[in-house]
Amino acid sequence: MNKKIIWILRFILGSLFILSAISKLIPIEAFDLTIVNQGIADWNVAPYLSRFIISIELFLGISFFINPFVKKIAVPFSFLLLVVFCVHLIYLIASGSGNKNCGCFGELIPMSSLEALIKNLVLIFLLFLLNKYFLYEKKLNYSFAFAVFSIVFAGMFLIFQIKPYNVPPKDESLIQIIDSVQSISPSTLEKNLYTVRAKEETSVVKKNDDSEKPNPPKAVSVFATFKEFSNNQNVNLDDGIKLVCLFSLDCEDCMETAHKLGEAKKQWMNFPPLYILFLGEEEQVTGFFEQAETIFPYKIISPQTFFPLIKNYPPRIVLLNNGNIIGDWGYESFSVDELRKKI
């Protein structure tokens, strides 16, 4: 085979492995979340596993550009890694989870499990061609290869240091019942909301038999620790009706959801007090609200707190009543009509 074609194969394979590794770093916490959501590991193990996988992909990508590494390291270990990925992707498709982003290229290039499986099969075919036509018989220096991998591996853990995640309990709906005597009095705004709901006869939730269901008892939710919001607002999210949104500042779906909520606030008299927990940097906030054409009180939280709270992918919209979660939506499941029904 023509040497130029062989170099093209090496470039394609090496570049894709390097791209796959780098894209998982933007941000690496999102790849940790993918590992947790796919049931591969929990939040304690996921940060170590993610960096190990990225290190291997980066090392294999580099190996395609080093002649002695190609047939001894790059081709066989890439084949093995792709086979493992294919088996996992087939499992995701069979279990009905294959329509979500598999995380092959992180958040940079979202791919379903089926798309990733096809991509991997194409790469395996390219590996077969490269292995067949690439001729280089010089002996491999395994000490040098180990040194290269050690540098990549150590660099990954040094640059992207592991920070413990703030993992909420599995049951977020009710953490701790508290005495109603100790509860904080509702704000004036909340009193007005209760008055409007009373006038509209929607202050209670009806069962199927039309019997009345009282408000749930006071509880301490996973959001109780977030008290200080923008403009020096001090809020008790577990007091009365509150809407808590978890948005990423560079997420278009989050901007769209924020826009819907802003429009609903303008049109809906008893719209609940809404507070946003943001992932990102302070300088991104203005642009986010300009795109969403609305503004709400917000607080920026760390990735180690944000990602365990969103469960799947941002946005997440949570409706609280006295600290009890009575509504919980993602981007696809949320609608203003559903929110209105819950209220």
C-alpha atoms as a PDB file:
ATOM      1  CA  MET A   1       0.000   0.000   0.000  1.00  0.00           C
ATOM      2  CA  ASN A   2       1.139   3.532  -0.756  1.00  0.00           C
ATOM      3  CA  LYS A   3       3.097   5.111   2.122  1.00  0.00           C
ATOM      4  CA  LYS A   4       0.927   8.228   1.955  1.00  0.00           C
ATOM      5  CA  ILE A   5      -2.200   6.148   2.515  1.00  0.00           C
ATOM      6  CA  ILE A   6      -0.554   4.410   5.482  1.00  0.00           C
ATOM      7  CA  TRP A   7       0.311   7.796   6.961  1.00  0.00           C
ATOM      8  CA  ILE A   8      -3.268   8.954   6.418  1.00  0.00           C
ATOM      9  CA  LEU A   9      -4.497   5.875   8.309  1.00  0.00           C
ATOM     10  CA  ARG A  10      -2.058   6.545  11.141  1.00  0.00           C
ATOM     11  CA  PHE A  11      -3.064  10.195  11.259  1.00  0.00           C
ATOM     12  CA  ILE A  12      -6.800   9.430  11.308  1.00  0.00           C
ATOM     13  CA  LEU A  13      -6.518   6.788  14.033  1.00  0.00           C
ATOM     14  CA  GLY A  14      -4.043   8.719  16.172  1.00  0.00           C
ATOM     15  CA  SER A  15      -5.952  11.992  15.879  1.00  0.00           C
ATOM     16  CA  LEU A  16      -9.292  10.391  16.769  1.00  0.00           C
ATOM     17  CA  PHE A  17      -7.866   8.742  19.887  1.00  0.00           C
ATOM     18  CA  ILE A  18      -6.252  12.017  20.964  1.00  0.00           C
ATOM     19  CA  LEU A  19      -9.449  13.947  20.216  1.00  0.00           C
ATOM     20  CA  SER A  20     -11.457  11.398  22.174  1.00  0.00           C
ATOM     21  CA  ALA A  21      -9.155  11.833  25.167  1.00  0.00           C
ATOM     22  CA  ILE A  22      -9.066  15.631  25.069  1.00  0.00           C
ATOM     23  CA  SER A  23     -12.820  16.024  24.531  1.00  0.00           C
ATOM     24  CA  LYS A  24     -13.485  14.052  27.720  1.00  0.00           C
ATOM     25  CA  LEU A  25     -11.610  16.734  29.645  1.00  0.00           C
ATOM     26  CA  ILE A  26     -14.118  19.478  28.722  1.00  0.00           C
ATOM     27  CA  PRO A  27     -15.093  19.186  31.518  1.00  0.00           C
ATOM     28  CA  ILE A  28     -13.792  15.974  33.029  1.00  0.00           C
ATOM     29  CA  GLU A  29     -16.581  16.023  35.649  1.00  0.00           C
ATOM     30  CA  ALA A  30     -19.086  15.450  32.834  1.00  0.00           C
ATOM     31  CA  PHE A  31     -17.245  12.266  31.882  1.00  0.00           C
ATOM     32  CA  ASP A  32     -17.311  11.218  35.543  1.00  0.00           C
ATOM     33  CA  LEU A  33     -21.077  11.712  35.430  1.00  0.00           C
ATOM     34  CA  THR A  34     -21.341   9.546  32.292  1.00  0.00           C
ATOM     35  CA  ILE A  35     -19.465   6.727  34.025  1.00  0.00           C
ATOM     36  CA  VAL A  36     -21.787   6.945  37.036  1.00  0.00           C
ATOM     37  CA  ASN A  37     -24.968   7.153  34.934  1.00  0.00           C
ATOM     38  CA  GLN A  38     -23.968   4.101  32.901  1.00  0.00           C
ATOM     39  CA  GLY A  39     -23.513   2.101  36.110  1.00  0.00           C
ATOM     40  CA  ILE A  40     -19.803   1.475  35.549  1.00  0.00           C
ATOM     41  CA  ALA A  41     -18.655   2.956  38.865  1.00  0.00           C
ATOM     42  CA  ASP A  42     -19.856   5.167  41.709  1.00  0.00           C
ATOM     43  CA  TRP A  43     -18.788   8.738  42.472  1.00  0.00           C
ATOM     44  CA  ASN A  44     -15.865   7.531  44.590  1.00  0.00           C
ATOM     45  CA  VAL A  45     -14.301   5.397  41.840  1.00  0.00           C
ATOM     46  CA  ALA A  46     -15.419   7.311  38.725  1.00  0.00           C
ATOM     47  CA  PRO A  47     -12.772  10.103  38.954  1.00  0.00           C
ATOM     48  CA  TYR A  48      -9.948   7.534  39.020  1.00  0.00           C
ATOM     49  CA  LEU A  49     -11.440   5.427  36.234  1.00  0.00           C
ATOM     50  CA  SER A  50     -12.090   8.432  33.990  1.00  0.00           C
ATOM     51  CA  ARG A  51      -8.494   9.635  34.223  1.00  0.00           C
ATOM     52  CA  PHE A  52      -7.201   6.103  33.621  1.00  0.00           C
ATOM     53  CA  ILE A  53      -9.323   5.722  30.462  1.00  0.00           C
ATOM     54  CA  ILE A  54      -8.298   9.144  29.181  1.00  0.00           C
ATOM     55  CA  SER A  55      -4.626   8.361  29.845  1.00  0.00           C
ATOM     56  CA  ILE A  56      -4.855   5.139  27.827  1.00  0.00           C
ATOM     57  CA  GLU A  57      -6.615   6.857  24.904  1.00  0.00           C
ATOM     58  CA  LEU A  58      -4.088   9.690  24.864  1.00  0.00           C
ATOM     59  CA  PHE A  59      -1.144   7.290  25.020  1.00  0.00           C
ATOM     60  CA  LEU A  60      -2.548   5.122  22.211  1.00  0.00           C
ATOM     61  CA  GLY A  61      -3.181   8.211  20.099  1.00  0.00           C
ATOM     62  CA  ILE A  62       0.437   9.299  20.527  1.00  0.00           C
ATOM     63  CA  SER A  63       1.611   5.751  19.762  1.00  0.00           C
ATOM     64  CA  PHE A  64       0.274   5.940  16.184  1.00  0.00           C
ATOM     65  CA  PHE A  65       2.850   8.667  15.473  1.00  0.00           C
ATOM     66  CA  ILE A  66       5.860   6.738  16.836  1.00  0.00           C
ATOM     67  CA  ASN A  67       7.034   4.118  14.334  1.00  0.00           C
ATOM     68  CA  PRO A  68       8.166   1.378  16.764  1.00  0.00           C
ATOM     69  CA  PHE A  69       4.911   1.710  18.731  1.00  0.00           C
ATOM     70  CA  VAL A  70       2.486   1.232  15.856  1.00  0.00           C
ATOM     71  CA  LYS A  71       2.353  -2.573  15.430  1.00  0.00           C
ATOM     72  CA  LYS A  72       3.470  -3.517  18.946  1.00  0.00           C
ATOM     73  CA  ILE A  73       1.322  -1.121  20.997  1.00  0.00           C
ATOM     74  CA  ALA A  74      -1.020   1.138  19.039  1.00  0.00           C
ATOM     75  CA  VAL A  75      -2.754  -1.451  16.856  1.00  0.00           C
ATOM     76  CA  PRO A  76      -3.223  -4.369  19.299  1.00  0.00           C
ATOM     77  CA  PHE A  77      -4.171  -2.300  22.362  1.00  0.00           C
ATOM     78  CA  SER A  78      -6.432   0.001  20.380  1.00  0.00           C
ATOM     79  CA  PHE A  79      -8.187  -3.059  18.993  1.00  0.00           C
ATOM     80  CA  LEU A  80      -8.638  -4.450  22.504  1.00  0.00           C
ATOM     81  CA  LEU A  81      -9.945  -1.134  23.840  1.00  0.00           C
ATOM     82  CA  LEU A  82     -12.389  -0.737  20.960  1.00  0.00           C
ATOM     83  CA  VAL A  83     -13.718  -4.259  21.456  1.00  0.00           C
ATOM     84  CA  VAL A  84     -14.352  -3.520  25.144  1.00  0.00           C
ATOM     85  CA  PHE A  85     -16.123  -0.290  24.197  1.00  0.00           C
ATOM     86  CA  CYS A  86     -18.216  -2.121  21.588  1.00  0.00           C
ATOM     87  CA  VAL A  87     -19.362  -4.717  24.105  1.00  0.00           C
ATOM     88  CA  HIS A  88     -20.355  -1.969  26.526  1.00  0.00           C
ATOM     89  CA  LEU A  89     -22.187  -0.023  23.807  1.00  0.00           C
ATOM     90  CA  ILE A  90     -24.116  -3.134  22.727  1.00  0.00           C
ATOM     91  CA  TYR A  91     -25.161  -3.576  26.366  1.00  0.00           C
ATOM     92  CA  LEU A  92     -26.376   0.041  26.539  1.00  0.00           C
ATOM     93  CA  ILE A  93     -28.368  -0.354  23.337  1.00  0.00           C
ATOM     94  CA  ALA A  94     -29.879  -3.650  24.518  1.00  0.00           C
ATOM     95  CA  SER A  95     -30.825  -2.140  27.892  1.00  0.00           C
ATOM     96  CA  GLY A  96     -32.571   0.816  26.258  1.00  0.00           C
ATOM     97  CA  SER A  97     -30.006   3.449  27.303  1.00  0.00           C
ATOM     98  CA  GLY A  98     -28.375   3.776  23.913  1.00  0.00           C
ATOM     99  CA  ASN A  99     -30.143   6.956  22.793  1.00  0.00           C
ATOM    100  CA  LYS A 100     -28.230   9.149  25.242  1.00  0.00           C
ATOM    101  CA  ASN A 101     -24.767  10.638  24.789  1.00  0.00           C
ATOM    102  CA  CYS A 102     -22.348   7.746  25.329  1.00  0.00           C
ATOM    103  CA  GLY A 103     -19.483  10.079  26.265  1.00  0.00           C
ATOM    104  CA  CYS A 104     -17.068   8.868  23.560  1.00  0.00           C
ATOM    105  CA  PHE A 105     -16.213  12.465  22.710  1.00  0.00           C
ATOM    106  CA  GLY A 106     -17.384  13.960  25.989  1.00  0.00           C
ATOM    107  CA  GLU A 107     -19.690  16.961  25.665  1.00  0.00           C
ATOM    108  CA  LEU A 108     -17.816  18.207  22.584  1.00  0.00           C
ATOM    109  CA  ILE A 109     -19.442  15.808  20.094  1.00  0.00           C
ATOM    110  CA  PRO A 110     -22.566  14.127  21.535  1.00  0.00           C
ATOM    111  CA  MET A 111     -23.069  10.655  20.093  1.00  0.00           C
ATOM    112  CA  SER A 112     -25.671   7.985  20.729  1.00  0.00           C
ATOM    113  CA  SER A 113     -24.480   4.492  21.556  1.00  0.00           C
ATOM    114  CA  LEU A 114     -25.446   3.266  18.081  1.00  0.00           C
ATOM    115  CA  GLU A 115     -23.475   6.045  16.400  1.00  0.00           C
ATOM    116  CA  ALA A 116     -20.474   5.309  18.634  1.00  0.00           C
ATOM    117  CA  LEU A 117     -20.720   1.587  17.864  1.00  0.00           C
ATOM    118  CA  ILE A 118     -20.648   2.252  14.114  1.00  0.00           C
ATOM    119  CA  LYS A 119     -17.697   4.609  14.596  1.00  0.00           C
ATOM    120  CA  ASN A 120     -15.789   1.955  16.556  1.00  0.00           C
ATOM    121  CA  LEU A 121     -16.432  -0.710  13.923  1.00  0.00           C
ATOM    122  CA  VAL A 122     -15.044   1.626  11.253  1.00  0.00           C
ATOM    123  CA  LEU A 123     -11.947   2.234  13.389  1.00  0.00           C
ATOM    124  CA  ILE A 124     -11.456  -1.519  13.846  1.00  0.00           C
ATOM    125  CA  PHE A 125     -11.526  -1.907  10.063  1.00  0.00           C
ATOM    126  CA  LEU A 126      -8.914   0.861   9.699  1.00  0.00           C
ATOM    127  CA  LEU A 127      -6.777  -0.889  12.322  1.00  0.00           C
ATOM    128  CA  PHE A 128      -6.962  -4.091  10.288  1.00  0.00           C
ATOM    129  CA  LEU A 129      -5.726  -2.267   7.171  1.00  0.00           C
ATOM    130  CA  LEU A 130      -2.919  -0.539   9.045  1.00  0.00           C
ATOM    131  CA  ASN A 131      -1.775  -3.761  10.660  1.00  0.00           C
ATOM    132  CA  LYS A 132      -1.742  -5.531   7.310  1.00  0.00           C
ATOM    133  CA  TYR A 133       0.187  -2.960   5.277  1.00  0.00           C
ATOM    134  CA  PHE A 134       2.392  -1.135   7.789  1.00  0.00           C
ATOM    135  CA  LEU A 135       5.917  -2.585   7.634  1.00  0.00           C
ATOM    136  CA  TYR A 136       8.347  -1.641  10.380  1.00  0.00           C
ATOM    137  CA  GLU A 137      10.406  -4.364  11.995  1.00  0.00           C
ATOM    138  CA  LYS A 138      12.694  -2.370  14.283  1.00  0.00           C
ATOM    139  CA  LYS A 139      12.729  -3.772  17.814  1.00  0.00           C
ATOM    140  CA  LEU A 140      10.575  -1.944  20.317  1.00  0.00           C
ATOM    141  CA  ASN A 141      12.204  -0.459  23.425  1.00  0.00           C
ATOM    142  CA  TYR A 142       9.636  -1.345  26.079  1.00  0.00           C
ATOM    143  CA  SER A 143      11.376   0.815  28.689  1.00  0.00           C
ATOM    144  CA  PHE A 144      10.874   3.842  26.477  1.00  0.00           C
ATOM    145  CA  ALA A 145       7.226   2.905  25.875  1.00  0.00           C
ATOM    146  CA  PHE A 146       6.631   2.521  29.614  1.00  0.00           C
ATOM    147  CA  ALA A 147       8.283   5.887  30.244  1.00  0.00           C
ATOM    148  CA  VAL A 148       5.986   7.607  27.724  1.00  0.00           C
ATOM    149  CA  PHE A 149       2.901   6.023  29.274  1.00  0.00           C
ATOM    150  CA  SER A 150       4.070   6.943  32.792  1.00  0.00           C
ATOM    151  CA  ILE A 151       4.467  10.580  31.783  1.00  0.00           C
ATOM    152  CA  VAL A 152       0.991  10.672  30.233  1.00  0.00           C
ATOM    153  CA  PHE A 153      -0.564   8.853  33.189  1.00  0.00           C
ATOM    154  CA  ALA A 154       1.135  10.959  35.863  1.00  0.00           C
ATOM    155  CA  GLY A 155       0.462  14.174  33.962  1.00  0.00           C
ATOM    156  CA  MET A 156      -3.236  13.386  33.779  1.00  0.00           C
ATOM    157  CA  PHE A 157      -3.568  12.945  37.534  1.00  0.00           C
ATOM    158  CA  LEU A 158      -1.344  15.940  38.327  1.00  0.00           C
ATOM    159  CA  ILE A 159      -3.052  18.404  35.991  1.00  0.00           C
ATOM    160  CA  PHE A 160      -6.595  17.175  36.636  1.00  0.00           C
ATOM    161  CA  GLN A 161      -6.380  16.512  40.341  1.00  0.00           C
ATOM    162  CA  ILE A 162      -9.159  14.538  41.948  1.00  0.00           C
ATOM    163  CA  LYS A 163     -11.482  16.422  44.274  1.00  0.00           C
ATOM    164  CA  PRO A 164     -14.114  14.553  46.304  1.00  0.00           C
ATOM    165  CA  TYR A 165     -17.692  14.911  45.120  1.00  0.00           C
ATOM    166  CA  ASN A 166     -20.494  16.108  47.383  1.00  0.00           C
ATOM    167  CA  VAL A 167     -22.801  13.175  46.761  1.00  0.00           C
ATOM    168  CA  PRO A 168     -26.413  13.617  47.965  1.00  0.00           C
ATOM    169  CA  PRO A 169     -28.323  10.678  49.441  1.00  0.00           C
ATOM    170  CA  LYS A 170     -30.205   8.466  47.003  1.00  0.00           C
ATOM    171  CA  ASP A 171     -33.561   9.553  48.393  1.00  0.00           C
ATOM    172  CA  GLU A 172     -33.578  13.321  47.928  1.00  0.00           C
ATOM    173  CA  SER A 173     -37.288  13.720  48.552  1.00  0.00           C
ATOM    174  CA  LEU A 174     -37.073  13.559  52.318  1.00  0.00           C
ATOM    175  CA  ILE A 175     -33.874  13.731  54.349  1.00  0.00           C
ATOM    176  CA  GLN A 176     -35.064  14.793  57.749  1.00  0.00           C
ATOM    177  CA  ILE A 177     -38.456  15.764  59.154  1.00  0.00           C
ATOM    178  CA  ILE A 178     -38.244  18.868  61.337  1.00  0.00           C
ATOM    179  CA  ASP A 179     -40.626  20.312  63.919  1.00  0.00           C
ATOM    180  CA  SER A 180     -43.027  22.764  62.351  1.00  0.00           C
ATOM    181  CA  VAL A 181     -42.508  25.080  65.335  1.00  0.00           C
ATOM    182  CA  GLN A 182     -38.893  25.567  64.221  1.00  0.00           C
ATOM    183  CA  SER A 183     -39.851  26.489  60.677  1.00  0.00           C
ATOM    184  CA  ILE A 184     -39.166  29.933  59.271  1.00  0.00           C
ATOM    185  CA  SER A 185     -42.209  32.116  58.598  1.00  0.00           C
ATOM    186  CA  PRO A 186     -43.091  32.471  54.932  1.00  0.00           C
ATOM    187  CA  SER A 187     -42.015  35.658  53.212  1.00  0.00           C
ATOM    188  CA  THR A 188     -44.524  38.257  52.100  1.00  0.00           C
ATOM    189  CA  LEU A 189     -44.233  36.991  48.538  1.00  0.00           C
ATOM    190  CA  GLU A 190     -45.036  33.447  49.614  1.00  0.00           C
ATOM    191  CA  LYS A 191     -48.038  34.654  51.635  1.00  0.00           C
ATOM    192  CA  ASN A 192     -49.337  36.326  48.496  1.00  0.00           C
ATOM    193  CA  LEU A 193     -48.784  33.116  46.562  1.00  0.00           C
ATOM    194  CA  TYR A 194     -50.765  31.152  49.142  1.00  0.00           C
ATOM    195  CA  THR A 195     -53.573  33.739  48.946  1.00  0.00           C
ATOM    196  CA  VAL A 196     -53.772  33.490  45.165  1.00  0.00           C
ATOM    197  CA  ARG A 197     -53.779  29.719  45.291  1.00  0.00           C
ATOM    198  CA  ALA A 198     -56.505  29.779  47.936  1.00  0.00           C
ATOM    199  CA  LYS A 199     -58.668  32.031  45.772  1.00  0.00           C
ATOM    200  CA  GLU A 200     -58.173  29.721  42.823  1.00  0.00           C
ATOM    201  CA  GLU A 201     -58.915  26.729  45.060  1.00  0.00           C
ATOM    202  CA  THR A 202     -55.595  25.145  44.128  1.00  0.00           C
ATOM    203  CA  SER A 203     -53.867  25.243  47.496  1.00  0.00           C
ATOM    204  CA  VAL A 204     -54.370  21.498  48.001  1.00  0.00           C
ATOM    205  CA  VAL A 205     -53.640  18.501  45.807  1.00  0.00           C
ATOM    206  CA  LYS A 206     -56.585  16.275  44.996  1.00  0.00           C
ATOM    207  CA  LYS A 207     -56.456  12.495  45.068  1.00  0.00           C
ATOM    208  CA  ASN A 208     -58.293  10.403  42.483  1.00  0.00           C
ATOM    209  CA  ASP A 209     -61.286  10.217  44.797  1.00  0.00           C
ATOM    210  CA  ASP A 210     -61.283  14.066  45.098  1.00  0.00           C
ATOM    211  CA  SER A 211     -60.342  13.965  48.788  1.00  0.00           C
ATOM    212  CA  GLU A 212     -58.015  16.719  49.986  1.00  0.00           C
ATOM    213  CA  LYS A 213     -54.338  16.061  50.613  1.00  0.00           C
ATOM    214  CA  PRO A 214     -52.595  18.367  53.105  1.00  0.00           C
ATOM    215  CA  ASN A 215     -49.267  20.034  52.468  1.00  0.00           C
ATOM    216  CA  PRO A 216     -46.329  17.745  53.291  1.00  0.00           C
ATOM    217  CA  PRO A 217     -44.548  18.200  56.638  1.00  0.00           C
ATOM    218  CA  LYS A 218     -41.402  20.284  56.892  1.00  0.00           C
ATOM    219  CA  ALA A 219     -38.289  18.466  55.677  1.00  0.00           C
ATOM    220  CA  VAL A 220     -34.620  19.191  55.030  1.00  0.00           C
ATOM    221  CA  SER A 221     -33.775  18.713  51.354  1.00  0.00           C
ATOM    222  CA  VAL A 222     -30.430  18.381  49.594  1.00  0.00           C
ATOM    223  CA  PHE A 223     -30.809  22.033  48.614  1.00  0.00           C
ATOM    224  CA  ALA A 224     -31.069  23.315  52.182  1.00  0.00           C
ATOM    225  CA  THR A 225     -27.364  24.209  52.319  1.00  0.00           C
ATOM    226  CA  PHE A 226     -27.705  26.765  49.516  1.00  0.00           C
ATOM    227  CA  LYS A 227     -28.782  29.930  51.287  1.00  0.00           C
ATOM    228  CA  GLU A 228     -26.878  32.899  49.851  1.00  0.00           C
ATOM    229  CA  PHE A 229     -27.829  34.026  46.352  1.00  0.00           C
ATOM    230  CA  SER A 230     -27.073  37.002  44.126  1.00  0.00           C
ATOM    231  CA  ASN A 231     -27.767  40.554  45.321  1.00  0.00           C
ATOM    232  CA  ASN A 232     -27.128  39.430  48.914  1.00  0.00           C
ATOM    233  CA  GLN A 233     -30.363  37.451  49.091  1.00  0.00           C
ATOM    234  CA  ASN A 234     -30.526  35.017  51.994  1.00  0.00           C
ATOM    235  CA  VAL A 235     -33.057  32.296  51.263  1.00  0.00           C
ATOM    236  CA  ASN A 236     -34.392  29.169  52.927  1.00  0.00           C
ATOM    237  CA  LEU A 237     -35.175  26.908  49.955  1.00  0.00           C
ATOM    238  CA  ASP A 238     -37.006  24.475  52.226  1.00  0.00           C
ATOM    239  CA  ASP A 239     -39.565  27.064  53.308  1.00  0.00           C
ATOM    240  CA  GLY A 240     -42.789  26.890  51.317  1.00  0.00           C
ATOM    241  CA  ILE A 241     -42.957  26.542  47.535  1.00  0.00           C
ATOM    242  CA  LYS A 242     -39.631  27.040  45.759  1.00  0.00           C
ATOM    243  CA  LEU A 243     -38.387  26.245  42.267  1.00  0.00           C
ATOM    244  CA  VAL A 244     -34.698  25.271  42.060  1.00  0.00           C
ATOM    245  CA  CYS A 245     -32.985  25.048  38.676  1.00  0.00           C
ATOM    246  CA  LEU A 246     -29.569  23.553  37.987  1.00  0.00           C
ATOM    247  CA  PHE A 247     -28.150  25.159  34.861  1.00  0.00           C
ATOM    248  CA  SER A 248     -24.778  25.071  33.147  1.00  0.00           C
ATOM    249  CA  LEU A 249     -23.790  28.516  31.879  1.00  0.00           C
ATOM    250  CA  ASP A 250     -22.684  27.195  28.470  1.00  0.00           C
ATOM    251  CA  CYS A 251     -25.696  24.905  27.980  1.00  0.00           C
ATOM    252  CA  GLU A 252     -28.130  25.934  25.226  1.00  0.00           C
ATOM    253  CA  ASP A 253     -30.872  23.690  26.618  1.00  0.00           C
ATOM    254  CA  CYS A 254     -30.486  25.472  29.959  1.00  0.00           C
ATOM    255  CA  MET A 255     -30.827  28.881  28.268  1.00  0.00           C
ATOM    256  CA  GLU A 256     -33.951  27.725  26.464  1.00  0.00           C
ATOM    257  CA  THR A 257     -35.455  26.408  29.695  1.00  0.00           C
ATOM    258  CA  ALA A 258     -34.611  29.648  31.509  1.00  0.00           C
ATOM    259  CA  HIS A 259     -36.328  31.583  28.714  1.00  0.00           C
ATOM    260  CA  LYS A 260     -39.498  29.473  29.089  1.00  0.00           C
ATOM    261  CA  LEU A 261     -39.499  30.062  32.830  1.00  0.00           C
ATOM    262  CA  GLY A 262     -38.987  33.799  32.328  1.00  0.00           C
ATOM    263  CA  GLU A 263     -41.961  33.962  29.970  1.00  0.00           C
ATOM    264  CA  ALA A 264     -44.072  31.952  32.419  1.00  0.00           C
ATOM    265  CA  LYS A 265     -43.156  34.345  35.224  1.00  0.00           C
ATOM    266  CA  LYS A 266     -44.475  37.275  33.172  1.00  0.00           C
ATOM    267  CA  GLN A 267     -47.777  35.552  32.414  1.00  0.00           C
ATOM    268  CA  TRP A 268     -48.417  33.543  35.576  1.00  0.00           C
ATOM    269  CA  MET A 269     -49.590  35.474  38.647  1.00  0.00           C
ATOM    270  CA  ASN A 270     -48.681  32.816  41.229  1.00  0.00           C
ATOM    271  CA  PHE A 271     -45.345  31.837  39.712  1.00  0.00           C
ATOM    272  CA  PRO A 272     -43.216  30.332  42.517  1.00  0.00           C
ATOM    273  CA  PRO A 273     -39.963  31.956  43.720  1.00  0.00           C
ATOM    274  CA  LEU A 274     -37.183  30.582  41.496  1.00  0.00           C
ATOM    275  CA  TYR A 275     -33.481  30.209  42.312  1.00  0.00           C
ATOM    276  CA  ILE A 276     -30.718  28.991  39.996  1.00  0.00           C
ATOM    277  CA  LEU A 277     -27.658  26.916  40.886  1.00  0.00           C
ATOM    278  CA  PHE A 278     -25.123  27.589  38.133  1.00  0.00           C
ATOM    279  CA  LEU A 279     -22.101  25.665  36.878  1.00  0.00           C
ATOM    280  CA  GLY A 280     -19.537  27.985  35.341  1.00  0.00           C
ATOM    281  CA  GLU A 281     -17.830  31.314  35.878  1.00  0.00           C
ATOM    282  CA  GLU A 282     -19.245  34.613  37.098  1.00  0.00           C
ATOM    283  CA  GLU A 283     -18.347  36.420  33.857  1.00  0.00           C
ATOM    284  CA  GLN A 284     -20.654  34.051  31.920  1.00  0.00           C
ATOM    285  CA  VAL A 285     -23.772  34.957  33.889  1.00  0.00           C
ATOM    286  CA  THR A 286     -24.617  38.208  32.081  1.00  0.00           C
ATOM    287  CA  GLY A 287     -24.421  36.535  28.672  1.00  0.00           C
ATOM    288  CA  PHE A 288     -26.594  33.652  29.858  1.00  0.00           C
ATOM    289  CA  PHE A 289     -29.394  35.919  31.068  1.00  0.00           C
ATOM    290  CA  GLU A 290     -29.155  38.062  27.922  1.00  0.00           C
ATOM    291  CA  GLN A 291     -29.623  34.961  25.758  1.00  0.00           C
ATOM    292  CA  ALA A 292     -32.443  33.694  27.980  1.00  0.00           C
ATOM    293  CA  GLU A 293     -34.045  37.181  28.067  1.00  0.00           C
ATOM    294  CA  THR A 294     -34.761  36.848  31.768  1.00  0.00           C
ATOM    295  CA  ILE A 295     -33.048  37.044  35.141  1.00  0.00           C
ATOM    296  CA  PHE A 296     -33.415  35.153  38.411  1.00  0.00           C
ATOM    297  CA  PRO A 297     -31.475  34.981  41.682  1.00  0.00           C
ATOM    298  CA  TYR A 298     -28.512  32.654  41.262  1.00  0.00           C
ATOM    299  CA  LYS A 299     -25.564  31.003  42.956  1.00  0.00           C
ATOM    300  CA  ILE A 300     -22.489  29.489  41.301  1.00  0.00           C
ATOM    301  CA  ILE A 301     -21.483  26.116  42.739  1.00  0.00           C
ATOM    302  CA  SER A 302     -18.482  23.846  42.170  1.00  0.00           C
ATOM    303  CA  PRO A 303     -18.498  20.976  39.622  1.00  0.00           C
ATOM    304  CA  GLN A 304     -18.074  18.525  42.521  1.00  0.00           C
ATOM    305  CA  THR A 305     -21.414  19.732  43.919  1.00  0.00           C
ATOM    306  CA  PHE A 306     -23.225  20.393  40.637  1.00  0.00           C
ATOM    307  CA  PHE A 307     -22.784  17.108  38.751  1.00  0.00           C
ATOM    308  CA  PRO A 308     -23.996  14.717  41.486  1.00  0.00           C
ATOM    309  CA  LEU A 309     -27.127  16.881  41.815  1.00  0.00           C
ATOM    310  CA  ILE A 310     -28.201  16.875  38.164  1.00  0.00           C
ATOM    311  CA  LYS A 311     -28.459  13.044  37.921  1.00  0.00           C
ATOM    312  CA  ASN A 312     -28.353  12.904  34.110  1.00  0.00           C
ATOM    313  CA  TYR A 313     -27.587  16.018  32.084  1.00  0.00           C
ATOM    314  CA  PRO A 314     -28.431  19.688  32.637  1.00  0.00           C
ATOM    315  CA  PRO A 315     -30.838  21.267  33.018  1.00  0.00           C
ATOM    316  CA  ARG A 316     -32.624  19.906  36.069  1.00  0.00           C
ATOM    317  CA  ILE A 317     -35.721  21.664  37.417  1.00  0.00           C
ATOM    318  CA  VAL A 318     -36.912  20.800  40.927  1.00  0.00           C
ATOM    319  CA  LEU A 319     -40.109  21.964  42.639  1.00  0.00           C
ATOM    320  CA  LEU A 320     -39.911  21.982  46.437  1.00  0.00           C
ATOM    321  CA  ASN A 321     -42.744  22.185  48.959  1.00  0.00           C
ATOM    322  CA  ASN A 322     -41.484  22.597  52.521  1.00  0.00           C
ATOM    323  CA  GLY A 323     -38.282  20.782  51.519  1.00  0.00           C
ATOM    324  CA  ASN A 324     -40.118  17.872  49.847  1.00  0.00           C
ATOM    325  CA  ILE A 325     -39.487  17.293  46.131  1.00  0.00           C
ATOM    326  CA  ILE A 326     -42.904  17.319  44.461  1.00  0.00           C
ATOM    327  CA  GLY A 327     -41.694  17.878  40.911  1.00  0.00           C
ATOM    328  CA  ASP A 328     -38.459  16.863  39.182  1.00  0.00           C
ATOM    329  CA  TRP A 329     -37.793  17.375  35.459  1.00  0.00           C
ATOM    330  CA  GLY A 330     -35.042  17.282  32.863  1.00  0.00           C
ATOM    331  CA  TYR A 331     -34.920  19.206  29.596  1.00  0.00           C
ATOM    332  CA  GLU A 332     -37.143  16.836  27.624  1.00  0.00           C
ATOM    333  CA  SER A 333     -39.674  16.149  30.384  1.00  0.00           C
ATOM    334  CA  PHE A 334     -40.174  19.741  31.581  1.00  0.00           C
ATOM    335  CA  SER A 335     -43.047  21.939  30.500  1.00  0.00           C
ATOM    336  CA  VAL A 336     -44.687  24.969  32.062  1.00  0.00           C
ATOM    337  CA  ASP A 337     -48.040  23.149  31.966  1.00  0.00           C
ATOM    338  CA  GLU A 338     -46.609  20.299  34.046  1.00  0.00           C
ATOM    339  CA  LEU A 339     -45.249  22.827  36.529  1.00  0.00           C
ATOM    340  CA  ARG A 340     -48.644  24.514  36.753  1.00  0.00           C
ATOM    341  CA  LYS A 341     -50.322  21.164  37.480  1.00  0.00           C
ATOM    342  CA  LYS A 342     -47.913  20.474  40.321  1.00  0.00           C
ATOM    343  CA  ILE A 343     -48.568  23.877  41.848  1.00  0.00           C
END
